[in-house]
C-alpha cells in the first residue's frame, strides 16, 4: 500500500495551526482520502500519535473518510500502481484529486511523501507542495493499521486477495515487457556450457589416468574421450577384451582389433571389482555429461536463432551468446559502439596496455568468429574492425526490431567476405610490387643522380679518369709532401682501379720523382 499526505489550506504554506489536513492513501482496492479531525496530532510527538491509533474506535475519532475511489478491475489497479511507481500522475488520480481537492477549494498546500509525485501534482494541478513531517508519517501509519475498519464495505480478506493479485499481475507485466529478461536463458546456458567443458575435461583426464593403471595402452589407441568412456564401461577388465563386441558403442573394427591385441600384452596392474565399479561410475558420468552438453548446445542454438538471428548468422551461436553474456544483455550489447564490441572480452589487455602505454588489443571475443579466424594474421585487426561495425548494427536490429529471418545478417556477412577477399588481393599485389619496385627504381634514378655513391659505376670511372689525371699533378705541385694518411688512401684507390690504369700512374709517379 502506497501512502501519500495532502496538506490543503486556505491561508498559504507554513500555517499548520489553521490547516485542514487531508491524507491520500493508495490501496489495492482504490484511492482513499481521509480528513484529520484532531489537529493536535500535527504537533504531537510520534509516541503519542501511536497511542491514539491503538484501536479502530480511537482511529475513527482521529480521522474520517472524505472520499473513496474503487478500481474497476485488476488492470486499472496495475496501471495506477505502475504510474505511482514512476512518480507520475495518472488519469484516475488526477481526476480524483481535482474533484475532491481542487474543486473543493483546498488548493493551497500539499504534503506528499514521494518527491517526484509531489512535483508532478504541482505541475499538473497547480497545488503548492510542502515538506512531509514525521507526525504525518505516524498518522498515515495509524490509518493503514485500521484501513478496513475506516472504509465501509472493504473486507480485510478481500484486500489481501487484491494485493496478491495485483502483485502477480505487476510482476508478469514487468517480466513480459522487460527486454533484459528475454536473453537471461542465453546467458545462463552459455555459462553452463563453459562450465560443462571444464568439468568434462577434468573428468575425462581423471578417467584416463585412473583406468590407465590397469590398461595404459588403450589411452593411445582410443583418443576420443566419449569413446574411451564407452569402451571402459562396456569392457570393464582388460581380460574381457576378446569377448567384448565394441561395435555396440560405435568403435571401428580396426581400433577394436588394436585394443584386443594390446590387452593381451598389456603391462598394467590388476584392479579389484570395487575399483572397477568406481571407474565405471565415473565413465557413466562422463557419458551423461557429454550427451547433456550436446543437447544444451542445440538448445542454445535454437534460442539464439529465435532471439538474435542476425547476430547468430554473422558469428555463430557460441560467439554471439558469449558477447551477450559479456555485455549483460542483448539491449546492453546493442547500446555499445562498434569499437567496444570489437574488444569486448579483452578488458584486461586493454587496461594493461593503457597503463603501460603500449598498443591496445585489436580484438576480443570476436577473434573466435570464423570470418576473423580464416583471415591472414596481418589482416585480423582490419577484419575484426569491419566485423564489429556490422555486428553492432545487427545487435540493434535484433534488440529493437521484430525480424525473424537473418536478412540483414546475410547481407552484412557477404559484405565482410568481399572485404576480406579484396584485402587479401590487395595484400598480394603490394607484396609483388614490393619485390619488383626497388630494381626498377635504381635503373630510373641512375641518370638523375650522377656522381653519387648510389649511382657510381665502373663506366663513370673510365669516363672521368682523365679529369682525375689532370687534377693529380696540380694537387702535387700546390701541396707540400702529403701526410701518411693521404698516401694510404691513394694506395687504396690505386688498388680498386682497373689494372690498365695502374701501370700508367706508376710511370707518372716515377717521372715526377
Protein backbone atom coordinates (compact mmCIF):
# COMPACT_ATOMS: atom_id res chain seq x y z
CA UNK A 1 0.00 0.00 0.00
CA UNK A 2 1.42 3.35 -1.01
CA UNK A 3 0.76 6.27 1.33
CA UNK A 4 0.61 9.96 0.49
CA UNK A 5 -0.35 13.02 2.60
CA UNK A 6 -2.23 16.01 1.25
CA UNK A 7 -1.92 19.30 3.17
CA UNK A 8 -4.60 21.65 1.85
CA UNK A 9 -5.10 25.09 3.39
CA UNK A 10 -6.68 28.39 2.60
CA UNK A 11 -4.02 30.52 4.32
CA UNK A 12 -0.89 29.59 2.38
CA UNK A 13 2.17 27.47 3.12
CA UNK A 14 3.54 27.02 6.62
CA UNK A 15 0.37 27.81 8.65
CA UNK A 16 -0.17 24.40 10.23
CA UNK A 17 -2.31 25.76 13.10
CA UNK A 18 -5.22 26.64 10.86
CA UNK A 19 -4.80 23.91 8.26
CA UNK A 20 -7.23 21.24 7.25
CA UNK A 21 -5.16 18.14 6.73
CA UNK A 22 -6.09 15.53 4.14
CA UNK A 23 -4.43 12.15 3.80
CA UNK A 24 -4.33 10.32 0.46
CA UNK A 25 -3.82 6.55 0.59
CA UNK A 26 -3.40 4.30 -2.45
CA UNK A 27 -4.67 0.82 -1.67
CA UNK A 28 -5.06 -2.25 -3.93
CA UNK A 29 -8.81 -1.54 -3.82
CA UNK A 30 -8.59 2.14 -4.81
CA UNK A 31 -7.75 5.70 -3.71
CA UNK A 32 -8.93 6.88 -0.28
CA UNK A 33 -8.94 10.46 1.06
CA UNK A 34 -9.07 10.99 4.84
CA UNK A 35 -9.54 14.14 6.93
CA UNK A 36 -7.62 14.65 10.18
CA UNK A 37 -10.22 15.54 12.85
CA UNK A 38 -7.80 16.07 15.73
CA UNK A 39 -5.48 18.94 14.71
CA UNK A 40 -3.35 18.41 17.83
CA UNK A 41 -1.91 15.30 16.20
CA UNK A 42 0.02 17.51 13.76
CA UNK A 43 2.16 18.86 16.60
CA UNK A 44 2.17 15.78 18.82
CA UNK A 45 5.13 13.50 19.34
CA UNK A 46 5.40 10.23 17.45
CA UNK A 47 4.89 8.04 20.53
CA UNK A 48 1.65 9.79 21.49
CA UNK A 49 0.37 9.51 17.91
CA UNK A 50 0.86 5.76 18.05
CA UNK A 51 -1.18 5.59 21.26
CA UNK A 52 -4.01 7.50 19.55
CA UNK A 53 -4.40 4.69 16.96
CA UNK A 54 -4.37 1.64 19.23
CA UNK A 55 -7.93 0.55 18.41
CA UNK A 56 -10.26 1.10 15.48
CA UNK A 57 -12.52 3.32 17.61
CA UNK A 58 -9.55 5.55 18.51
CA UNK A 59 -8.63 5.77 14.83
CA UNK A 60 -12.21 6.76 13.92
CA UNK A 61 -12.02 9.64 16.45
CA UNK A 62 -8.75 10.92 14.94
CA UNK A 63 -9.50 10.72 11.20
CA UNK A 64 -12.56 10.43 8.98
CA UNK A 65 -13.12 9.20 5.42
CA UNK A 66 -13.77 12.03 2.96
CA UNK A 67 -13.79 10.21 -0.39
CA UNK A 68 -13.03 6.78 -1.84
CA UNK A 69 -12.48 5.74 -5.47
CA UNK A 70 -12.55 1.99 -6.12
CA UNK A 71 -10.61 0.45 -9.02
CA UNK A 72 -12.79 -1.23 -11.63
CA UNK A 73 -10.55 -4.28 -12.12
CA UNK A 74 -7.01 -5.59 -11.68
CA UNK A 75 -5.88 -3.95 -14.92
CA UNK A 76 -6.86 -0.48 -13.65
CA UNK A 77 -5.09 -1.19 -10.34
CA UNK A 78 -1.96 -2.31 -12.19
CA UNK A 79 -1.91 0.83 -14.36
CA UNK A 80 -2.31 3.06 -11.29
CA UNK A 81 0.42 1.17 -9.43
CA UNK A 82 2.81 1.46 -12.40
CA UNK A 83 2.19 5.21 -12.67
CA UNK A 84 2.73 5.73 -8.94
CA UNK A 85 5.96 3.70 -9.05
CA UNK A 86 7.26 6.00 -11.79
CA UNK A 87 6.15 9.07 -9.82
CA UNK A 88 3.69 10.23 -12.48
CA UNK A 89 0.08 11.37 -12.03
CA UNK A 90 -2.32 9.13 -13.92
CA UNK A 91 -5.75 9.97 -15.23
CA UNK A 92 -7.62 8.32 -12.38
CA UNK A 93 -5.51 10.01 -9.65
CA UNK A 94 -5.70 13.38 -11.38
CA UNK A 95 -9.46 13.15 -11.69
CA UNK A 96 -9.81 12.05 -8.05
CA UNK A 97 -7.66 14.92 -6.67
CA UNK A 98 -9.28 17.51 -8.90
CA UNK A 99 -12.75 16.51 -7.80
CA UNK A 100 -12.09 16.25 -4.05
CA UNK A 101 -9.30 18.81 -3.50
CA UNK A 102 -9.14 21.40 -6.29
CA UNK A 103 -12.86 21.79 -6.93
CA UNK A 104 -13.49 21.81 -3.17
CA UNK A 105 -11.28 24.90 -2.82
CA UNK A 106 -8.49 23.16 -0.90
CA UNK A 107 -5.69 24.08 -3.32
CA UNK A 108 -3.22 25.95 -1.15
CA UNK A 109 -0.73 23.38 0.15
CA UNK A 110 0.02 19.70 -0.41
CA UNK A 111 2.37 17.43 1.63
CA UNK A 112 3.48 14.39 -0.36
CA UNK A 113 5.78 11.58 0.78
CA UNK A 114 7.16 10.90 -2.72
CA UNK A 115 9.04 13.93 -4.04
CA UNK A 116 8.70 13.21 -7.81
CA UNK A 117 4.97 12.58 -7.40
CA UNK A 118 4.57 15.86 -5.49
CA UNK A 119 6.38 17.79 -8.21
CA UNK A 120 4.15 16.26 -10.91
CA UNK A 121 0.99 17.05 -8.92
CA UNK A 122 2.19 20.63 -8.57
CA UNK A 123 2.78 20.92 -12.32
CA UNK A 124 -0.49 19.36 -13.44
CA UNK A 125 -2.91 20.60 -10.77
CA UNK A 126 -1.19 23.79 -9.58
CA UNK A 127 -1.24 22.73 -5.92
CA UNK A 128 1.57 24.01 -3.72
CA UNK A 129 3.73 21.17 -2.36
CA UNK A 130 5.12 21.24 1.18
CA UNK A 131 7.55 19.02 3.12
CA UNK A 132 6.44 15.78 4.75
CA UNK A 133 6.83 15.74 8.58
CA UNK A 134 7.37 12.84 11.00
CA UNK A 135 3.98 13.37 12.61
CA UNK A 136 2.23 12.94 9.26
CA UNK A 137 4.10 9.70 8.64
CA UNK A 138 2.93 8.33 12.00
CA UNK A 139 -0.67 9.39 11.31
CA UNK A 140 -0.64 7.57 7.97
CA UNK A 141 0.83 4.52 9.66
CA UNK A 142 -2.06 4.52 12.14
CA UNK A 143 -4.60 4.88 9.33
CA UNK A 144 -3.03 1.96 7.48
CA UNK A 145 -3.38 -0.25 10.58
CA UNK A 146 -7.18 0.23 10.67
CA UNK A 147 -7.83 0.75 6.95
CA UNK A 148 -10.58 -1.85 6.57
CA UNK A 149 -12.46 -0.50 9.63
CA UNK A 150 -12.30 3.11 8.42
CA UNK A 151 -13.54 2.34 4.89
CA UNK A 152 -17.05 0.88 4.78
CA UNK A 153 -17.63 -2.14 2.56
CA UNK A 154 -13.96 -3.17 2.49
CA UNK A 155 -13.10 -6.58 3.90
CA UNK A 156 -9.62 -7.47 5.17
CA UNK A 157 -9.56 -10.79 3.33
CA UNK A 158 -10.66 -9.03 0.15
CA UNK A 159 -7.80 -6.52 0.45
CA UNK A 160 -5.28 -9.35 0.88
CA UNK A 161 -6.62 -11.13 -2.22
CA UNK A 162 -6.46 -7.89 -4.20
CA UNK A 163 -2.88 -7.28 -3.03
CA UNK A 164 -1.80 -10.78 -4.09
CA UNK A 165 -3.49 -10.50 -7.50
CA UNK A 166 -2.02 -7.05 -8.10
CA UNK A 167 1.47 -8.24 -7.14
CA UNK A 168 1.29 -11.20 -9.54
CA UNK A 169 -0.09 -9.10 -12.40
CA UNK A 170 2.54 -6.41 -11.92
CA UNK A 171 5.34 -8.98 -11.86
CA UNK A 172 4.09 -10.65 -15.04
CA UNK A 173 3.76 -7.26 -16.73
CA UNK A 174 7.33 -6.25 -15.89
CA UNK A 175 8.79 -9.60 -16.94
CA UNK A 176 6.85 -9.55 -20.20
CA UNK A 177 7.86 -6.08 -21.29
CA UNK A 178 11.40 -6.05 -19.95
CA UNK A 179 13.85 -6.56 -22.85
CA UNK A 180 16.62 -7.56 -20.45
CA UNK A 181 14.76 -10.65 -19.20
CA UNK A 182 14.39 -12.35 -22.59
CA UNK A 183 18.05 -13.23 -23.04
CA UNK A 184 18.65 -14.41 -19.47
CA UNK A 185 18.32 -18.01 -20.65
CA UNK A 186 21.09 -17.49 -23.21
CA UNK A 187 23.45 -16.04 -20.62
CA UNK A 188 22.82 -18.94 -18.24
CA UNK A 189 23.09 -21.55 -21.00
CA UNK A 190 26.42 -20.33 -22.35
CA UNK A 191 27.80 -20.06 -18.82
CA UNK A 192 26.73 -23.63 -18.09
CA UNK A 193 28.23 -24.76 -21.40
CA UNK A 194 31.63 -23.36 -20.45
CA UNK A 195 31.41 -24.98 -17.01
CA UNK A 196 30.48 -28.31 -18.59
CA UNK A 197 33.51 -28.16 -20.89
CA UNK A 198 35.83 -27.64 -17.92
CA UNK A 199 34.23 -30.42 -15.88
CA UNK A 200 34.22 -32.83 -18.82
CA UNK A 201 37.92 -32.26 -19.43
CA UNK A 202 38.69 -32.84 -15.75
CA UNK A 203 36.55 -35.99 -15.55
CA UNK A 204 37.91 -37.42 -18.81
CA UNK A 205 41.52 -36.84 -17.75
CA UNK A 206 40.81 -38.41 -14.36
CA UNK A 207 39.19 -41.44 -16.04
CA UNK A 208 42.18 -41.94 -18.37
CA UNK A 209 44.64 -41.62 -15.51
CA UNK A 210 42.65 -43.93 -13.24
CA UNK A 211 41.94 -46.68 -15.79
CA UNK A 212 45.44 -46.22 -17.24
CA UNK A 213 46.91 -48.04 -14.24
CA UNK A 214 45.01 -51.14 -15.37
CA UNK A 215 45.21 -50.75 -19.18
CA UNK A 216 47.67 -47.95 -20.10
CA UNK A 217 47.96 -48.90 -23.80
CA UNK A 218 44.31 -48.12 -24.56
CA UNK A 219 44.83 -44.39 -23.93
CA UNK A 220 46.84 -44.01 -27.16
CA UNK A 221 44.56 -46.28 -29.20
CA UNK A 222 41.19 -44.68 -28.27
CA UNK A 223 41.82 -40.92 -28.37
CA UNK A 224 38.28 -39.56 -28.13
CA UNK A 225 37.02 -39.03 -24.57
CA UNK A 226 33.43 -40.18 -25.17
CA UNK A 227 34.54 -43.35 -27.00
CA UNK A 228 37.08 -44.06 -24.26
CA UNK A 229 34.41 -43.79 -21.56
CA UNK A 230 32.04 -46.07 -23.51
CA UNK A 231 34.75 -48.69 -24.05
CA UNK A 232 35.68 -48.67 -20.35
CA UNK A 233 32.05 -49.04 -19.30
CA UNK A 234 31.40 -51.83 -21.81
CA UNK A 235 34.63 -53.81 -21.43
CA UNK A 236 35.48 -53.44 -17.75
CA UNK A 237 38.60 -55.51 -17.08
CA UNK A 238 41.13 -55.86 -19.90
CA UNK A 239 40.88 -59.64 -19.67
CA UNK A 240 37.39 -59.42 -21.18
CA UNK A 241 38.58 -57.56 -24.27
CA UNK A 242 38.37 -60.64 -26.52
CA UNK A 243 34.77 -61.38 -25.53
CA UNK A 244 33.59 -57.73 -25.90
CA UNK A 245 31.78 -56.58 -29.04
CA UNK A 246 32.99 -52.97 -29.48
CA UNK A 247 30.59 -52.31 -32.38
CA UNK A 248 27.85 -51.74 -29.77
CA UNK A 249 29.48 -48.42 -28.78
CA UNK A 250 30.35 -47.39 -32.35
CA UNK A 251 34.08 -48.23 -32.27
CA UNK A 252 35.56 -49.13 -35.71
CA UNK A 253 36.86 -52.66 -36.27
CA UNK A 254 40.50 -51.58 -36.70
CA UNK A 255 40.54 -49.80 -33.35
CA UNK A 256 38.72 -52.72 -31.72
CA UNK A 257 41.29 -55.19 -33.03
CA UNK A 258 44.14 -52.97 -31.76
CA UNK A 259 42.53 -52.82 -28.32
CA UNK A 260 42.16 -56.61 -28.21
CA UNK A 261 45.74 -57.23 -29.26
CA UNK A 262 47.08 -54.64 -26.81
CA UNK A 263 45.08 -56.20 -23.98
CA UNK A 264 46.94 -59.47 -24.41
CA UNK A 265 50.37 -57.87 -23.88
CA UNK A 266 49.34 -55.09 -21.52
CA UNK A 267 51.74 -54.07 -18.74
CA UNK A 268 49.01 -52.64 -16.49
CA UNK A 269 48.35 -53.66 -12.90
CA UNK A 270 45.42 -55.71 -11.68
CA UNK A 271 42.46 -53.96 -10.01
CA UNK A 272 39.64 -55.19 -7.78
CA UNK A 273 35.93 -55.28 -8.58
CA UNK A 274 35.37 -52.38 -6.20
CA UNK A 275 37.90 -50.25 -8.08
CA UNK A 276 36.28 -51.20 -11.37
CA UNK A 277 32.86 -50.21 -10.03
CA UNK A 278 34.05 -46.72 -9.19
CA UNK A 279 35.76 -46.38 -12.57
CA UNK A 280 32.55 -47.45 -14.35
CA UNK A 281 30.56 -44.91 -12.33
CA UNK A 282 32.93 -42.16 -13.46
CA UNK A 283 32.73 -43.31 -17.07
CA UNK A 284 28.94 -43.26 -16.86
CA UNK A 285 29.06 -39.68 -15.56
CA UNK A 286 31.35 -38.65 -18.44
CA UNK A 287 28.92 -40.15 -20.97
CA UNK A 288 25.91 -38.44 -19.39
CA UNK A 289 27.64 -35.04 -19.24
CA UNK A 290 28.74 -35.33 -22.87
CA UNK A 291 25.21 -36.13 -24.00
CA UNK A 292 23.78 -33.31 -21.90
CA UNK A 293 26.33 -30.89 -23.35
CA UNK A 294 25.20 -31.81 -26.88
CA UNK A 295 21.53 -31.19 -26.00
CA UNK A 296 22.42 -27.90 -24.26
CA UNK A 297 24.36 -26.77 -27.33
CA UNK A 298 21.33 -27.48 -29.52
CA UNK A 299 19.07 -25.59 -27.10
CA UNK A 300 21.44 -22.61 -27.18
CA UNK A 301 21.44 -22.65 -30.97
CA UNK A 302 17.63 -22.58 -31.10
CA UNK A 303 17.37 -19.78 -28.53
CA UNK A 304 19.99 -17.66 -30.27
CA UNK A 305 18.30 -18.15 -33.66
CA UNK A 306 14.98 -17.00 -32.16
CA UNK A 307 16.27 -14.01 -30.17
CA UNK A 308 19.23 -12.74 -32.21
CA UNK A 309 19.02 -14.24 -35.73
CA UNK A 310 21.29 -11.69 -37.44
CA UNK A 311 23.99 -11.88 -34.74
CA UNK A 312 23.90 -15.70 -34.86
CA UNK A 313 24.23 -15.75 -38.65
CA UNK A 314 27.24 -13.43 -38.54
CA UNK A 315 29.41 -15.07 -35.85
CA UNK A 316 27.61 -18.24 -34.79
CA UNK A 317 25.55 -19.04 -31.70
CA UNK A 318 28.50 -19.62 -29.35
CA UNK A 319 30.38 -16.38 -30.02
CA UNK A 320 27.11 -14.43 -30.14
CA UNK A 321 25.98 -15.85 -26.80
CA UNK A 322 29.35 -15.01 -25.23
CA UNK A 323 29.08 -11.44 -26.50
CA UNK A 324 25.59 -11.11 -24.97
CA UNK A 325 26.81 -12.65 -21.71
CA UNK A 326 29.81 -10.30 -21.56
CA UNK A 327 27.65 -7.23 -22.22
CA UNK A 328 24.96 -8.31 -19.71
CA UNK A 329 22.02 -8.39 -22.12
CA UNK A 330 21.17 -8.03 -25.79
CA UNK A 331 19.95 -4.48 -25.19
CA UNK A 332 23.22 -3.53 -23.49
CA UNK A 333 25.17 -5.05 -26.37
CA UNK A 334 23.07 -3.04 -28.82
CA UNK A 335 23.91 0.17 -26.95
CA UNK A 336 27.66 -0.46 -27.23
CA UNK A 337 29.55 1.21 -30.08
CA UNK A 338 31.38 -0.96 -32.60
CA UNK A 339 34.76 -0.12 -31.04
CA UNK A 340 33.59 -1.61 -27.73
CA UNK A 341 32.12 -4.68 -29.45
CA UNK A 342 35.47 -5.20 -31.18
CA UNK A 343 37.46 -5.51 -27.93
CA UNK A 344 34.67 -6.95 -25.77
CA UNK A 345 36.22 -9.69 -23.66
CA UNK A 346 39.74 -8.21 -23.75
CA UNK A 347 39.27 -5.66 -20.97
CA UNK A 348 42.32 -6.86 -19.03
CA UNK A 349 44.60 -6.46 -22.04
CA UNK A 350 43.07 -3.06 -22.83
CA UNK A 351 43.65 -1.56 -19.39
CA UNK A 352 47.09 -3.13 -19.15
CA UNK A 353 48.01 -1.53 -22.49
CA UNK A 354 46.66 1.84 -21.38
CA UNK A 355 48.57 1.61 -18.12
CA UNK A 356 51.88 0.64 -19.76
CA UNK A 357 51.28 2.98 -22.76
CA UNK A 358 51.55 0.16 -25.29
CA UNK A 359 49.38 -0.87 -28.22
CA UNK A 360 45.76 -1.67 -27.33
CA UNK A 361 44.25 -5.04 -28.36
CA UNK A 362 42.62 -5.27 -31.78
CA UNK A 363 40.04 -7.93 -30.97
CA UNK A 364 38.34 -9.68 -28.08
CA UNK A 365 35.72 -12.44 -28.25
CA UNK A 366 35.13 -11.92 -31.99
CA UNK A 367 38.58 -13.40 -32.58
CA UNK A 368 36.88 -16.83 -32.39
CA UNK A 369 34.47 -15.94 -35.22
CA UNK A 370 35.04 -17.84 -38.47
CA UNK A 371 35.47 -14.64 -40.51
CA UNK A 372 38.37 -13.49 -38.33
CA UNK A 373 39.87 -16.96 -38.00
CA UNK A 374 40.10 -17.59 -41.74
CA UNK A 375 41.87 -14.28 -42.42
CA UNK A 376 45.65 -13.82 -42.55
CA UNK A 377 47.39 -12.72 -39.32
CA UNK A 378 48.19 -9.32 -40.85
CA UNK A 379 44.53 -8.70 -41.73
CA UNK A 380 42.90 -9.92 -38.48
CA UNK A 381 42.81 -6.41 -36.99
CA UNK A 382 41.16 -4.87 -40.07
CA UNK A 383 38.62 -7.67 -40.45
CA UNK A 384 37.73 -7.57 -36.74
CA UNK A 385 37.06 -3.83 -37.06
CA UNK A 386 34.83 -4.33 -40.13
CA UNK A 387 33.04 -7.26 -38.47
CA UNK A 388 32.45 -5.31 -35.23
CA UNK A 389 30.91 -2.43 -37.18
CA UNK A 390 28.40 -4.77 -38.82
CA UNK A 391 27.77 -6.71 -35.61
CA UNK A 392 26.74 -3.57 -33.73
CA UNK A 393 24.11 -2.87 -36.41
CA UNK A 394 22.88 -6.48 -36.28
CA UNK A 395 22.53 -6.32 -32.49
CA UNK A 396 20.43 -3.15 -32.72
CA UNK A 397 18.12 -4.73 -35.26
CA UNK A 398 17.78 -7.90 -33.15
CA UNK A 399 17.15 -5.99 -29.91
CA UNK A 400 14.76 -3.34 -31.21
CA UNK A 401 13.28 -4.90 -34.35
CA UNK A 402 10.89 -7.77 -34.89
CA UNK A 403 12.67 -9.65 -37.65
CA UNK A 404 12.68 -13.43 -37.61
CA UNK A 405 14.82 -14.12 -40.69
CA UNK A 406 18.50 -13.05 -40.73
CA UNK A 407 18.18 -10.93 -43.89
CA UNK A 408 20.48 -8.18 -42.61
CA UNK A 409 22.99 -10.71 -41.31
CA UNK A 410 23.22 -12.40 -44.71
CA UNK A 411 23.84 -9.08 -46.43
CA UNK A 412 26.49 -7.97 -43.94
CA UNK A 413 28.28 -11.33 -43.94
CA UNK A 414 28.54 -11.22 -47.72
CA UNK A 415 29.95 -7.70 -47.46
CA UNK A 416 32.58 -8.74 -44.89
CA UNK A 417 33.60 -11.73 -47.01
CA UNK A 418 34.04 -9.48 -50.07
CA UNK A 419 36.02 -7.02 -47.99
CA UNK A 420 38.28 -9.85 -46.78
CA UNK A 421 38.83 -11.05 -50.36
CA UNK A 422 39.70 -7.54 -51.54
CA UNK A 423 42.14 -7.05 -48.66
CA UNK A 424 43.83 -10.35 -49.43
CA UNK A 425 44.12 -9.46 -53.13
CA UNK A 426 45.48 -6.04 -52.26
CA UNK A 427 47.98 -7.61 -49.90
CA UNK A 428 49.23 -9.97 -52.61
CA UNK A 429 49.58 -7.10 -55.09
CA UNK A 430 51.51 -4.97 -52.61
CA UNK A 431 53.79 -7.92 -51.85
CA UNK A 432 54.63 -8.40 -55.55
CA UNK A 433 55.07 -4.66 -56.06
CA UNK A 434 57.38 -4.50 -53.10
CA UNK A 435 59.66 -7.13 -54.67
CA UNK A 436 59.94 -5.58 -58.16
CA UNK A 437 59.89 -1.88 -57.31
CA UNK A 438 63.46 -1.46 -55.95
CA UNK A 439 65.10 -2.82 -59.17
CA UNK A 440 63.04 -0.52 -61.40
CA UNK A 441 63.75 2.45 -59.16
CA UNK A 442 67.51 2.04 -59.31
CA UNK A 443 67.57 1.97 -63.12
CA UNK A 444 65.40 5.05 -63.39
CA UNK A 445 67.36 7.06 -60.83
CA UNK A 446 70.84 6.45 -62.35
CA UNK A 447 70.80 9.25 -64.94
CA UNK A 448 69.17 11.70 -62.50
CA UNK A 449 71.71 11.27 -59.68
CA UNK A 450 75.12 11.49 -61.30
CA UNK A 451 78.31 11.02 -59.35
CA UNK A 452 76.59 9.90 -56.16
CA UNK A 453 77.56 6.79 -54.24
CA UNK A 454 74.32 5.03 -55.18
CA UNK A 455 74.78 5.63 -58.94
CA UNK A 456 78.59 5.20 -59.08
CA UNK A 457 79.68 2.53 -61.61
CA UNK A 458 82.87 1.38 -63.34
CA UNK A 459 81.82 3.10 -66.59
CA UNK A 460 81.75 6.52 -64.87
CA UNK A 461 85.23 5.87 -63.50
CA UNK A 462 86.51 5.29 -67.02
CA UNK A 463 84.91 8.49 -68.38
CA UNK A 464 86.09 10.69 -65.53
CA UNK A 465 89.60 9.19 -65.41
CA UNK A 466 91.29 11.98 -67.50
CA UNK A 467 89.95 14.66 -65.18
CA UNK A 468 91.46 12.91 -62.20
CA UNK A 469 94.82 12.58 -64.03
CA UNK A 470 94.94 16.31 -64.70
CA UNK A 471 93.99 17.20 -61.22
CA UNK A 472 96.57 14.91 -59.66
CA UNK A 473 99.77 16.77 -60.79
CA UNK A 474 98.28 20.17 -59.94
CA UNK A 475 97.48 18.97 -56.45
CA UNK A 476 101.03 17.61 -56.07
CA UNK A 477 102.61 20.93 -57.13
CA UNK A 478 100.47 23.10 -54.86
CA UNK A 479 100.62 20.95 -51.77
CA UNK A 480 103.59 20.05 -49.66
CA UNK A 481 104.63 16.42 -49.16
CA UNK A 482 101.36 14.55 -48.34
CA UNK A 483 100.86 13.01 -44.90
CA UNK A 484 100.84 9.28 -44.34
CA UNK A 485 97.02 9.09 -44.28
CA UNK A 486 96.70 10.54 -47.77
CA UNK A 487 99.29 8.13 -49.10
CA UNK A 488 97.33 5.22 -47.68
CA UNK A 489 94.12 6.47 -49.30
CA UNK A 490 95.90 6.89 -52.64
CA UNK A 491 97.19 3.36 -52.39
CA UNK A 492 93.68 2.01 -51.72
CA UNK A 493 92.24 3.92 -54.68
CA UNK A 494 95.03 2.58 -56.90
CA UNK A 495 94.19 -0.99 -55.95
CA UNK A 496 90.49 -0.52 -56.73
CA UNK A 497 91.11 0.92 -60.21
CA UNK A 498 91.44 -1.22 -63.31
CA UNK A 499 94.73 -3.00 -64.00
CA UNK A 500 95.22 -0.99 -67.23
CA UNK A 501 95.31 2.39 -65.43
CA UNK A 502 97.61 1.19 -62.62
CA UNK A 503 100.87 0.96 -64.66
CA UNK A 504 100.30 4.42 -66.23
CA UNK A 505 100.06 6.04 -62.80
CA UNK A 506 103.16 4.27 -61.61
CA UNK A 507 105.18 5.64 -64.62
CA UNK A 508 103.94 9.21 -63.99
CA UNK A 509 104.81 8.99 -60.32
CA UNK A 510 108.31 7.79 -61.22
CA UNK A 511 108.77 10.67 -63.71
CA UNK A 512 107.61 13.19 -61.11
CA UNK A 513 110.10 11.86 -58.61
